[in-house]
Protein backbone atom coordinates (compact mmCIF):
# COMPACT_ATOMS: atom_id res chain seq x y z
CA UNK A 1 -8.68 26.94 -1.32
CA UNK A 2 -10.45 23.95 -3.52
CA UNK A 3 -8.66 20.59 -3.82
CA UNK A 4 -8.00 21.27 -7.53
CA UNK A 5 -6.36 24.41 -7.05
CA UNK A 6 -4.51 23.23 -4.35
CA UNK A 7 -3.20 20.20 -6.47
CA UNK A 8 -2.45 22.38 -9.32
CA UNK A 9 -0.44 24.81 -7.26
CA UNK A 10 1.54 21.98 -5.38
CA UNK A 11 2.42 20.36 -8.79
CA UNK A 12 3.58 23.65 -10.10
CA UNK A 13 5.38 24.58 -7.15
CA UNK A 14 7.30 21.35 -7.16
CA UNK A 15 7.98 21.78 -10.86
CA UNK A 16 6.22 18.32 -11.64
CA UNK A 17 6.45 17.31 -15.51
CA UNK A 18 2.81 16.70 -16.65
CA UNK A 19 4.06 14.60 -19.44
CA UNK A 20 6.21 12.35 -17.19
CA UNK A 21 4.89 8.75 -17.75
CA UNK A 22 4.61 5.97 -15.37
CA UNK A 23 5.02 2.57 -16.62
CA UNK A 24 2.48 0.31 -14.63
CA UNK A 25 1.33 -3.04 -14.91
CA UNK A 26 -2.56 -3.86 -15.69
CA UNK A 27 -4.54 -6.58 -16.58
CA UNK A 28 -3.86 -5.92 -20.15
CA UNK A 29 -0.20 -5.83 -19.86
CA UNK A 30 2.05 -2.95 -19.71
CA UNK A 31 0.25 0.76 -19.34
CA UNK A 32 2.00 4.05 -20.21
CA UNK A 33 -0.07 6.63 -18.31
CA UNK A 34 1.27 10.22 -17.93
CA UNK A 35 1.08 12.15 -14.83
CA UNK A 36 -1.46 14.77 -16.10
CA UNK A 37 -3.99 11.61 -16.47
CA UNK A 38 -3.21 10.70 -13.04
CA UNK A 39 -3.86 14.47 -11.77
CA UNK A 40 -7.13 14.40 -13.68
CA UNK A 41 -8.27 11.39 -12.42
CA UNK A 42 -7.56 12.54 -8.66
CA UNK A 43 -9.33 15.87 -9.26
CA UNK A 44 -12.53 13.65 -10.24
CA UNK A 45 -12.25 11.24 -7.39
CA UNK A 46 -15.08 11.39 -4.64
CA UNK A 47 -14.00 14.22 -2.09
CA UNK A 48 -13.18 11.65 0.91
CA UNK A 49 -10.82 10.22 -1.40
CA UNK A 50 -9.14 13.49 -2.28
CA UNK A 51 -8.77 14.09 1.37
CA UNK A 52 -7.00 10.89 2.13
CA UNK A 53 -4.73 11.81 -1.12
CA UNK A 54 -4.01 15.19 -0.06
CA UNK A 55 -3.14 14.02 3.45
CA UNK A 56 -0.37 11.24 2.02
CA UNK A 57 0.85 13.81 -0.36
CA UNK A 58 1.49 16.23 2.60
CA UNK A 59 2.85 13.81 4.55
CA UNK A 60 5.46 12.49 1.52
CA UNK A 61 6.28 16.12 1.07
CA UNK A 62 6.88 17.10 4.74
CA UNK A 63 9.46 13.97 4.89
CA UNK A 64 11.10 15.10 1.48
CA UNK A 65 9.83 12.03 -0.21
CA UNK A 66 9.22 11.77 -4.11
CA UNK A 67 5.67 12.44 -4.36
CA UNK A 68 6.07 10.76 -8.05
CA UNK A 69 6.30 7.29 -6.37
CA UNK A 70 2.92 8.20 -4.92
CA UNK A 71 1.37 9.16 -8.28
CA UNK A 72 3.01 6.02 -9.79
CA UNK A 73 1.17 3.88 -7.30
CA UNK A 74 -2.18 5.53 -7.82
CA UNK A 75 -1.50 5.29 -11.83
CA UNK A 76 -1.53 1.34 -11.08
CA UNK A 77 -5.42 2.17 -10.42
CA UNK A 78 -5.92 3.41 -13.79
CA UNK A 79 -4.29 0.62 -15.64
CA UNK A 80 -6.26 -1.10 -17.95
């Protein structure tokens, strides 16, 4: 299974709302980034980063954590 397919399946099975908006600080100030944009950026990341991201998501999920906290952290890297 490709990483993209895996990520799509994971978000669907968890019932995550792609329209959920994360508010993060960036150099220009407050940014509002939807989960869907974060996932699109993850899908375009280099393969070695995708491996690390998948590993972290699996760890969080295994411990019944909220993966949206991790996605919000990743949204911070997209903030302008």
